[in-house]
């Protein structure tokens, strides 16, 4: 049984190594002065873009909800101050 275990483990290791070899990149095939990587399309998933836009909108609305009452209160107080000085 112990020998069978080692044989199965060895088979799994050989299979894993063969799978790694299938997706390996031979660096000799890519010239060092190649600009292919620099001009490649960078993929960003749609949910990440939508999430970032949604979060930005929420932050923007939060800032407006904070600043709008302060601006409005400043305008009202300026109007009251102006009315108080004219009489």
PDB file of N, CA and C in Angstrom:
ATOM      1  N   UNK A   1       0.824  -1.198   0.000  1.00  0.00           N
ATOM      2  CA  UNK A   1       0.000   0.000   0.000  1.00  0.00           C
ATOM      3  C   UNK A   1       0.862   1.253   0.000  1.00  0.00           C
ATOM      4  N   UNK A   2       1.945   1.226   0.728  1.00  0.00           N
ATOM      5  CA  UNK A   2       2.825   2.383   0.789  1.00  0.00           C
ATOM      6  C   UNK A   2       3.452   2.655  -0.578  1.00  0.00           C
ATOM      7  N   UNK A   3       3.803   1.595  -1.288  1.00  0.00           N
ATOM      8  CA  UNK A   3       4.385   1.751  -2.628  1.00  0.00           C
ATOM      9  C   UNK A   3       3.349   2.289  -3.612  1.00  0.00           C
ATOM     10  N   UNK A   4       2.111   1.839  -3.488  1.00  0.00           N
ATOM     11  CA  UNK A   4       1.024   2.315  -4.340  1.00  0.00           C
ATOM     12  C   UNK A   4       0.773   3.812  -4.104  1.00  0.00           C
ATOM     13  N   UNK A   5       0.846   4.222  -2.843  1.00  0.00           N
ATOM     14  CA  UNK A   5       0.668   5.638  -2.520  1.00  0.00           C
ATOM     15  C   UNK A   5       1.737   6.493  -3.191  1.00  0.00           C
ATOM     16  N   UNK A   6       2.989   6.032  -3.119  1.00  0.00           N
ATOM     17  CA  UNK A   6       4.077   6.790  -3.728  1.00  0.00           C
ATOM     18  C   UNK A   6       3.963   6.827  -5.252  1.00  0.00           C
ATOM     19  N   UNK A   7       3.486   5.725  -5.856  1.00  0.00           N
ATOM     20  CA  UNK A   7       3.309   5.714  -7.302  1.00  0.00           C
ATOM     21  C   UNK A   7       2.220   6.694  -7.726  1.00  0.00           C
ATOM     22  N   UNK A   8       1.109   6.731  -6.985  1.00  0.00           N
ATOM     23  CA  UNK A   8       0.038   7.676  -7.315  1.00  0.00           C
ATOM     24  C   UNK A   8       0.504   9.117  -7.130  1.00  0.00           C
ATOM     25  N   UNK A   9       1.283   9.338  -6.079  1.00  0.00           N
ATOM     26  CA  UNK A   9       1.798  10.699  -5.854  1.00  0.00           C
ATOM     27  C   UNK A   9       2.740  11.111  -6.978  1.00  0.00           C
ATOM     28  N   UNK A  10       3.591  10.179  -7.395  1.00  0.00           N
ATOM     29  CA  UNK A  10       4.504  10.465  -8.493  1.00  0.00           C
ATOM     30  C   UNK A  10       3.729  10.747  -9.778  1.00  0.00           C
ATOM     31  N   UNK A  11       2.651  10.001 -10.033  1.00  0.00           N
ATOM     32  CA  UNK A  11       1.834  10.241 -11.226  1.00  0.00           C
ATOM     33  C   UNK A  11       1.205  11.627 -11.177  1.00  0.00           C
ATOM     34  N   UNK A  12       0.724  12.023  -9.986  1.00  0.00           N
ATOM     35  CA  UNK A  12       0.126  13.358  -9.860  1.00  0.00           C
ATOM     36  C   UNK A  12       1.159  14.456 -10.101  1.00  0.00           C
ATOM     37  N   UNK A  13       2.361  14.256  -9.571  1.00  0.00           N
ATOM     38  CA  UNK A  13       3.410  15.256  -9.774  1.00  0.00           C
ATOM     39  C   UNK A  13       3.793  15.367 -11.246  1.00  0.00           C
ATOM     40  N   UNK A  14       3.868  14.228 -11.926  1.00  0.00           N
ATOM     41  CA  UNK A  14       4.189  14.238 -13.355  1.00  0.00           C
ATOM     42  C   UNK A  14       3.082  14.936 -14.127  1.00  0.00           C
ATOM     43  N   UNK A  15       1.818  14.679 -13.754  1.00  0.00           N
ATOM     44  CA  UNK A  15       0.694  15.327 -14.427  1.00  0.00           C
ATOM     45  C   UNK A  15       0.731  16.840 -14.204  1.00  0.00           C
ATOM     46  N   UNK A  16       0.998  17.250 -12.973  1.00  0.00           N
ATOM     47  CA  UNK A  16       1.059  18.687 -12.679  1.00  0.00           C
ATOM     48  C   UNK A  16       2.185  19.339 -13.462  1.00  0.00           C
ATOM     49  N   UNK A  17       3.341  18.705 -13.495  1.00  0.00           N
ATOM     50  CA  UNK A  17       4.464  19.265 -14.247  1.00  0.00           C
ATOM     51  C   UNK A  17       4.165  19.312 -15.740  1.00  0.00           C
ATOM     52  N   UNK A  18       3.464  18.297 -16.266  1.00  0.00           N
ATOM     53  CA  UNK A  18       3.131  18.324 -17.688  1.00  0.00           C
ATOM     54  C   UNK A  18       2.146  19.460 -17.980  1.00  0.00           C
ATOM     55  N   UNK A  19       1.220  19.728 -17.040  1.00  0.00           N
ATOM     56  CA  UNK A  19       0.278  20.834 -17.234  1.00  0.00           C
ATOM     57  C   UNK A  19       1.012  22.168 -17.178  1.00  0.00           C
ATOM     58  N   UNK A  20       1.990  22.288 -16.317  1.00  0.00           N
ATOM     59  CA  UNK A  20       2.769  23.534 -16.235  1.00  0.00           C
ATOM     60  C   UNK A  20       3.547  23.763 -17.523  1.00  0.00           C
ATOM     61  N   UNK A  21       4.028  22.695 -18.121  1.00  0.00           N
ATOM     62  CA  UNK A  21       4.780  22.834 -19.357  1.00  0.00           C
ATOM     63  C   UNK A  21       3.885  23.263 -20.508  1.00  0.00           C
ATOM     64  N   UNK A  22       2.600  22.940 -20.449  1.00  0.00           N
ATOM     65  CA  UNK A  22       1.697  23.327 -21.523  1.00  0.00           C
ATOM     66  C   UNK A  22       1.498  24.840 -21.570  1.00  0.00           C
ATOM     67  N   UNK A  23       1.540  25.504 -20.417  1.00  0.00           N
ATOM     68  CA  UNK A  23       1.272  26.937 -20.387  1.00  0.00           C
ATOM     69  C   UNK A  23       2.541  27.765 -20.183  1.00  0.00           C
ATOM     70  N   UNK A  24       3.694  27.126 -20.289  1.00  0.00           N
ATOM     71  CA  UNK A  24       4.927  27.879 -20.102  1.00  0.00           C
ATOM     72  C   UNK A  24       5.208  28.748 -21.328  1.00  0.00           C
ATOM     73  N   UNK A  25       5.927  29.824 -21.115  1.00  0.00           N
ATOM     74  CA  UNK A  25       6.263  30.763 -22.184  1.00  0.00           C
ATOM     75  C   UNK A  25       7.757  30.645 -22.448  1.00  0.00           C
ATOM     76  N   UNK A  26       8.082  30.437 -23.681  1.00  0.00           N
ATOM     77  CA  UNK A  26       9.482  30.394 -24.065  1.00  0.00           C
ATOM     78  C   UNK A  26       9.943  31.826 -24.307  1.00  0.00           C
ATOM     79  N   UNK A  27      10.805  32.328 -23.429  1.00  0.00           N
ATOM     80  CA  UNK A  27      11.218  33.723 -23.513  1.00  0.00           C
ATOM     81  C   UNK A  27      12.092  34.011 -24.728  1.00  0.00           C
ATOM     82  N   UNK A  28      12.653  32.974 -25.330  1.00  0.00           N
ATOM     83  CA  UNK A  28      13.479  33.191 -26.512  1.00  0.00           C
ATOM     84  C   UNK A  28      12.645  33.585 -27.721  1.00  0.00           C
ATOM     85  N   UNK A  29      11.338  33.308 -27.688  1.00  0.00           N
ATOM     86  CA  UNK A  29      10.482  33.648 -28.818  1.00  0.00           C
ATOM     87  C   UNK A  29      10.063  35.108 -28.808  1.00  0.00           C
ATOM     88  N   UNK A  30      10.207  35.791 -27.695  1.00  0.00           N
ATOM     89  CA  UNK A  30       9.841  37.201 -27.598  1.00  0.00           C
ATOM     90  C   UNK A  30      11.120  38.030 -27.671  1.00  0.00           C
ATOM     91  N   UNK A  31      11.278  38.841 -28.706  1.00  0.00           N
ATOM     92  CA  UNK A  31      12.488  39.649 -28.800  1.00  0.00           C
ATOM     93  C   UNK A  31      12.516  40.711 -27.701  1.00  0.00           C
ATOM     94  N   UNK A  32      13.706  41.072 -27.215  1.00  0.00           N
ATOM     95  CA  UNK A  32      13.795  42.032 -26.119  1.00  0.00           C
ATOM     96  C   UNK A  32      13.350  43.443 -26.511  1.00  0.00           C
ATOM     97  N   UNK A  33      13.403  43.779 -27.790  1.00  0.00           N
ATOM     98  CA  UNK A  33      13.018  45.127 -28.212  1.00  0.00           C
ATOM     99  C   UNK A  33      11.562  45.165 -28.689  1.00  0.00           C
ATOM    100  N   UNK A  34      10.791  44.138 -28.369  1.00  0.00           N
ATOM    101  CA  UNK A  34       9.406  44.063 -28.819  1.00  0.00           C
ATOM    102  C   UNK A  34       8.535  45.047 -28.050  1.00  0.00           C
ATOM    103  N   UNK A  35       7.643  45.740 -28.759  1.00  0.00           N
ATOM    104  CA  UNK A  35       6.703  46.661 -28.111  1.00  0.00           C
ATOM    105  C   UNK A  35       5.303  46.074 -28.061  1.00  0.00           C
ATOM    106  N   UNK A  36       5.186  44.778 -28.268  1.00  0.00           N
ATOM    107  CA  UNK A  36       3.877  44.134 -28.278  1.00  0.00           C
ATOM    108  C   UNK A  36       3.219  44.253 -26.910  1.00  0.00           C
ATOM    109  N   UNK A  37       3.972  44.057 -25.840  1.00  0.00           N
ATOM    110  CA  UNK A  37       3.411  44.143 -24.503  1.00  0.00           C
ATOM    111  C   UNK A  37       2.968  45.548 -24.137  1.00  0.00           C
ATOM    112  N   UNK A  38       3.651  46.554 -24.661  1.00  0.00           N
ATOM    113  CA  UNK A  38       3.308  47.941 -24.334  1.00  0.00           C
ATOM    114  C   UNK A  38       2.029  48.397 -25.016  1.00  0.00           C
ATOM    115  N   UNK A  39       1.747  47.843 -26.186  1.00  0.00           N
ATOM    116  CA  UNK A  39       0.560  48.268 -26.931  1.00  0.00           C
ATOM    117  C   UNK A  39      -0.608  47.307 -26.739  1.00  0.00           C
ATOM    118  N   UNK A  40      -0.451  46.321 -25.870  1.00  0.00           N
ATOM    119  CA  UNK A  40      -1.516  45.339 -25.662  1.00  0.00           C
ATOM    120  C   UNK A  40      -2.698  46.001 -24.961  1.00  0.00           C
ATOM    121  N   UNK A  41      -3.896  45.508 -25.273  1.00  0.00           N
ATOM    122  CA  UNK A  41      -5.123  46.023 -24.663  1.00  0.00           C
ATOM    123  C   UNK A  41      -5.186  45.543 -23.223  1.00  0.00           C
ATOM    124  N   UNK A  42      -5.350  46.458 -22.307  1.00  0.00           N
ATOM    125  CA  UNK A  42      -5.456  46.105 -20.900  1.00  0.00           C
ATOM    126  C   UNK A  42      -6.930  45.900 -20.558  1.00  0.00           C
ATOM    127  N   UNK A  43      -7.271  44.698 -20.148  1.00  0.00           N
ATOM    128  CA  UNK A  43      -8.666  44.342 -19.888  1.00  0.00           C
ATOM    129  C   UNK A  43      -9.023  44.648 -18.447  1.00  0.00           C
ATOM    130  N   UNK A  44     -10.085  45.401 -18.257  1.00  0.00           N
ATOM    131  CA  UNK A  44     -10.640  45.658 -16.940  1.00  0.00           C
ATOM    132  C   UNK A  44     -12.088  45.183 -16.975  1.00  0.00           C
ATOM    133  N   UNK A  45     -12.461  44.412 -15.984  1.00  0.00           N
ATOM    134  CA  UNK A  45     -13.811  43.853 -15.997  1.00  0.00           C
ATOM    135  C   UNK A  45     -14.854  44.954 -15.828  1.00  0.00           C
ATOM    136  N   UNK A  46     -16.028  44.711 -16.411  1.00  0.00           N
ATOM    137  CA  UNK A  46     -17.097  45.715 -16.385  1.00  0.00           C
ATOM    138  C   UNK A  46     -17.595  45.970 -14.975  1.00  0.00           C
ATOM    139  N   UNK A  47     -17.650  44.924 -14.142  1.00  0.00           N
ATOM    140  CA  UNK A  47     -18.163  45.128 -12.793  1.00  0.00           C
ATOM    141  C   UNK A  47     -17.240  46.023 -11.985  1.00  0.00           C
ATOM    142  N   UNK A  48     -15.936  45.986 -12.270  1.00  0.00           N
ATOM    143  CA  UNK A  48     -15.000  46.863 -11.554  1.00  0.00           C
ATOM    144  C   UNK A  48     -15.224  48.323 -11.968  1.00  0.00           C
ATOM    145  N   UNK A  49     -15.474  48.546 -13.254  1.00  0.00           N
ATOM    146  CA  UNK A  49     -15.726  49.907 -13.739  1.00  0.00           C
ATOM    147  C   UNK A  49     -17.042  50.432 -13.182  1.00  0.00           C
ATOM    148  N   UNK A  50     -18.091  49.610 -13.267  1.00  0.00           N
ATOM    149  CA  UNK A  50     -19.387  50.033 -12.736  1.00  0.00           C
ATOM    150  C   UNK A  50     -19.322  50.265 -11.232  1.00  0.00           C
ATOM    151  N   UNK A  51     -18.604  49.433 -10.524  1.00  0.00           N
ATOM    152  CA  UNK A  51     -18.451  49.598  -9.082  1.00  0.00           C
ATOM    153  C   UNK A  51     -17.727  50.875  -8.730  1.00  0.00           C
ATOM    154  N   UNK A  52     -16.667  51.196  -9.482  1.00  0.00           N
ATOM    155  CA  UNK A  52     -15.918  52.426  -9.224  1.00  0.00           C
ATOM    156  C   UNK A  52     -16.768  53.661  -9.520  1.00  0.00           C
ATOM    157  N   UNK A  53     -17.527  53.618 -10.615  1.00  0.00           N
ATOM    158  CA  UNK A  53     -18.406  54.746 -10.947  1.00  0.00           C
ATOM    159  C   UNK A  53     -19.496  54.896  -9.885  1.00  0.00           C
ATOM    160  N   UNK A  54     -20.085  53.788  -9.461  1.00  0.00           N
ATOM    161  CA  UNK A  54     -21.125  53.835  -8.426  1.00  0.00           C
ATOM    162  C   UNK A  54     -20.592  54.377  -7.113  1.00  0.00           C
ATOM    163  N   UNK A  55     -19.399  53.937  -6.737  1.00  0.00           N
ATOM    164  CA  UNK A  55     -18.791  54.442  -5.507  1.00  0.00           C
ATOM    165  C   UNK A  55     -18.465  55.919  -5.625  1.00  0.00           C
ATOM    166  N   UNK A  56     -17.991  56.344  -6.794  1.00  0.00           N
ATOM    167  CA  UNK A  56     -17.710  57.766  -7.010  1.00  0.00           C
ATOM    168  C   UNK A  56     -18.966  58.616  -6.910  1.00  0.00           C
ATOM    169  N   UNK A  57     -20.067  58.111  -7.468  1.00  0.00           N
ATOM    170  CA  UNK A  57     -21.342  58.843  -7.387  1.00  0.00           C
ATOM    171  C   UNK A  57     -21.797  58.960  -5.939  1.00  0.00           C
ATOM    172  N   UNK A  58     -21.672  57.873  -5.173  1.00  0.00           N
ATOM    173  CA  UNK A  58     -22.074  57.915  -3.768  1.00  0.00           C
ATOM    174  C   UNK A  58     -21.230  58.896  -2.965  1.00  0.00           C
ATOM    175  N   UNK A  59     -19.927  58.921  -3.221  1.00  0.00           N
ATOM    176  CA  UNK A  59     -19.052  59.864  -2.524  1.00  0.00           C
ATOM    177  C   UNK A  59     -19.402  61.294  -2.915  1.00  0.00           C
ATOM    178  N   UNK A  60     -19.641  61.531  -4.198  1.00  0.00           N
ATOM    179  CA  UNK A  60     -20.000  62.871  -4.663  1.00  0.00           C
ATOM    180  C   UNK A  60     -21.307  63.341  -4.027  1.00  0.00           C
ATOM    181  N   UNK A  61     -22.295  62.466  -3.970  1.00  0.00           N
ATOM    182  CA  UNK A  61     -23.578  62.825  -3.349  1.00  0.00           C
ATOM    183  C   UNK A  61     -23.392  63.084  -1.857  1.00  0.00           C
ATOM    184  N   UNK A  62     -22.563  62.299  -1.206  1.00  0.00           N
ATOM    185  CA  UNK A  62     -22.289  62.518   0.212  1.00  0.00           C
ATOM    186  C   UNK A  62     -21.640  63.869   0.471  1.00  0.00           C
ATOM    187  N   UNK A  63     -20.704  64.244  -0.390  1.00  0.00           N
ATOM    188  CA  UNK A  63     -20.058  65.556  -0.242  1.00  0.00           C
ATOM    189  C   UNK A  63     -21.066  66.672  -0.478  1.00  0.00           C
ATOM    190  N   UNK A  64     -21.906  66.529  -1.501  1.00  0.00           N
ATOM    191  CA  UNK A  64     -22.924  67.553  -1.762  1.00  0.00           C
ATOM    192  C   UNK A  64     -23.906  67.670  -0.603  1.00  0.00           C
ATOM    193  N   UNK A  65     -24.304  66.526  -0.038  1.00  0.00           N
ATOM    194  CA  UNK A  65     -25.243  66.567   1.088  1.00  0.00           C
ATOM    195  C   UNK A  65     -24.616  67.234   2.306  1.00  0.00           C
ATOM    196  N   UNK A  66     -23.314  67.176   2.414  1.00  0.00           N
ATOM    197  CA  UNK A  66     -22.636  67.819   3.534  1.00  0.00           C
ATOM    198  C   UNK A  66     -22.451  69.308   3.286  1.00  0.00           C
ATOM    199  N   UNK A  67     -22.057  69.673   2.079  1.00  0.00           N
ATOM    200  CA  UNK A  67     -21.726  71.069   1.791  1.00  0.00           C
ATOM    201  C   UNK A  67     -22.949  71.932   1.480  1.00  0.00           C
ATOM    202  N   UNK A  68     -23.982  71.354   0.884  1.00  0.00           N
ATOM    203  CA  UNK A  68     -25.136  72.146   0.477  1.00  0.00           C
ATOM    204  C   UNK A  68     -25.804  72.871   1.651  1.00  0.00           C
ATOM    205  N   UNK A  69     -26.061  72.215   2.770  1.00  0.00           N
ATOM    206  CA  UNK A  69     -26.654  72.956   3.895  1.00  0.00           C
ATOM    207  C   UNK A  69     -25.742  74.056   4.423  1.00  0.00           C
ATOM    208  N   UNK A  70     -24.433  73.810   4.415  1.00  0.00           N
ATOM    209  CA  UNK A  70     -23.503  74.841   4.897  1.00  0.00           C
ATOM    210  C   UNK A  70     -23.512  76.060   3.977  1.00  0.00           C
ATOM    211  N   UNK A  71     -23.520  75.823   2.674  1.00  0.00           N
ATOM    212  CA  UNK A  71     -23.565  76.934   1.715  1.00  0.00           C
ATOM    213  C   UNK A  71     -24.879  77.696   1.848  1.00  0.00           C
ATOM    214  N   UNK A  72     -25.975  76.956   1.935  1.00  0.00           N
ATOM    215  CA  UNK A  72     -27.283  77.588   2.069  1.00  0.00           C
ATOM    216  C   UNK A  72     -27.373  78.396   3.368  1.00  0.00           C
ATOM    217  N   UNK A  73     -26.854  77.841   4.454  1.00  0.00           N
ATOM    218  CA  UNK A  73     -26.884  78.560   5.724  1.00  0.00           C
ATOM    219  C   UNK A  73     -26.023  79.826   5.649  1.00  0.00           C
ATOM    220  N   UNK A  74     -24.905  79.743   4.984  1.00  0.00           N
ATOM    221  CA  UNK A  74     -24.055  80.928   4.815  1.00  0.00           C
ATOM    222  C   UNK A  74     -24.755  82.015   4.016  1.00  0.00           C
ATOM    223  N   UNK A  75     -25.469  81.617   2.958  1.00  0.00           N
ATOM    224  CA  UNK A  75     -26.205  82.602   2.166  1.00  0.00           C
ATOM    225  C   UNK A  75     -27.322  83.249   2.976  1.00  0.00           C
ATOM    226  N   UNK A  76     -28.047  82.445   3.747  1.00  0.00           N
ATOM    227  CA  UNK A  76     -29.133  82.984   4.574  1.00  0.00           C
ATOM    228  C   UNK A  76     -28.576  83.930   5.629  1.00  0.00           C
ATOM    229  N   UNK A  77     -27.487  83.533   6.259  1.00  0.00           N
ATOM    230  CA  UNK A  77     -26.890  84.413   7.284  1.00  0.00           C
ATOM    231  C   UNK A  77     -26.338  85.695   6.667  1.00  0.00           C
ATOM    232  N   UNK A  78     -25.796  85.600   5.455  1.00  0.00           N
ATOM    233  CA  UNK A  78     -25.334  86.808   4.768  1.00  0.00           C
ATOM    234  C   UNK A  78     -26.496  87.733   4.447  1.00  0.00           C
ATOM    235  N   UNK A  79     -27.614  87.156   4.028  1.00  0.00           N
ATOM    236  CA  UNK A  79     -28.801  87.971   3.750  1.00  0.00           C
ATOM    237  C   UNK A  79     -29.314  88.633   5.021  1.00  0.00           C
ATOM    238  N   UNK A  80     -29.372  87.873   6.117  1.00  0.00           N
ATOM    239  CA  UNK A  80     -29.821  88.445   7.394  1.00  0.00           C
ATOM    240  C   UNK A  80     -28.869  89.544   7.849  1.00  0.00           C
ATOM    241  N   UNK A  81     -27.562  89.332   7.717  1.00  0.00           N
ATOM    242  CA  UNK A  81     -26.569  90.339   8.109  1.00  0.00           C
ATOM    243  C   UNK A  81     -26.737  91.604   7.275  1.00  0.00           C
ATOM    244  N   UNK A  82     -26.992  91.447   5.978  1.00  0.00           N
ATOM    245  CA  UNK A  82     -27.184  92.594   5.098  1.00  0.00           C
ATOM    246  C   UNK A  82     -28.438  93.373   5.489  1.00  0.00           C
ATOM    247  N   UNK A  83     -29.512  92.631   5.790  1.00  0.00           N
ATOM    248  CA  UNK A  83     -30.755  93.300   6.198  1.00  0.00           C
ATOM    249  C   UNK A  83     -30.587  94.011   7.542  1.00  0.00           C
ATOM    250  N   UNK A  84     -29.832  93.436   8.455  1.00  0.00           N
ATOM    251  CA  UNK A  84     -29.644  94.028   9.769  1.00  0.00           C
ATOM    252  C   UNK A  84     -28.806  95.299   9.672  1.00  0.00           C
ATOM    253  N   UNK A  85     -27.884  95.381   8.738  1.00  0.00           N
ATOM    254  CA  UNK A  85     -27.017  96.563   8.618  1.00  0.00           C
ATOM    255  C   UNK A  85     -27.709  97.705   7.878  1.00  0.00           C
ATOM    256  N   UNK A  86     -28.715  97.397   7.061  1.00  0.00           N
ATOM    257  CA  UNK A  86     -29.354  98.470   6.315  1.00  0.00           C
ATOM    258  C   UNK A  86     -30.374  99.213   7.153  1.00  0.00           C
ATOM    259  N   UNK A  87     -30.894  98.643   8.234  1.00  0.00           N
ATOM    260  CA  UNK A  87     -31.883  99.336   9.052  1.00  0.00           C
ATOM    261  C   UNK A  87     -31.277  99.985  10.255  1.00  0.00           C
TER     262      UNK A  87
END
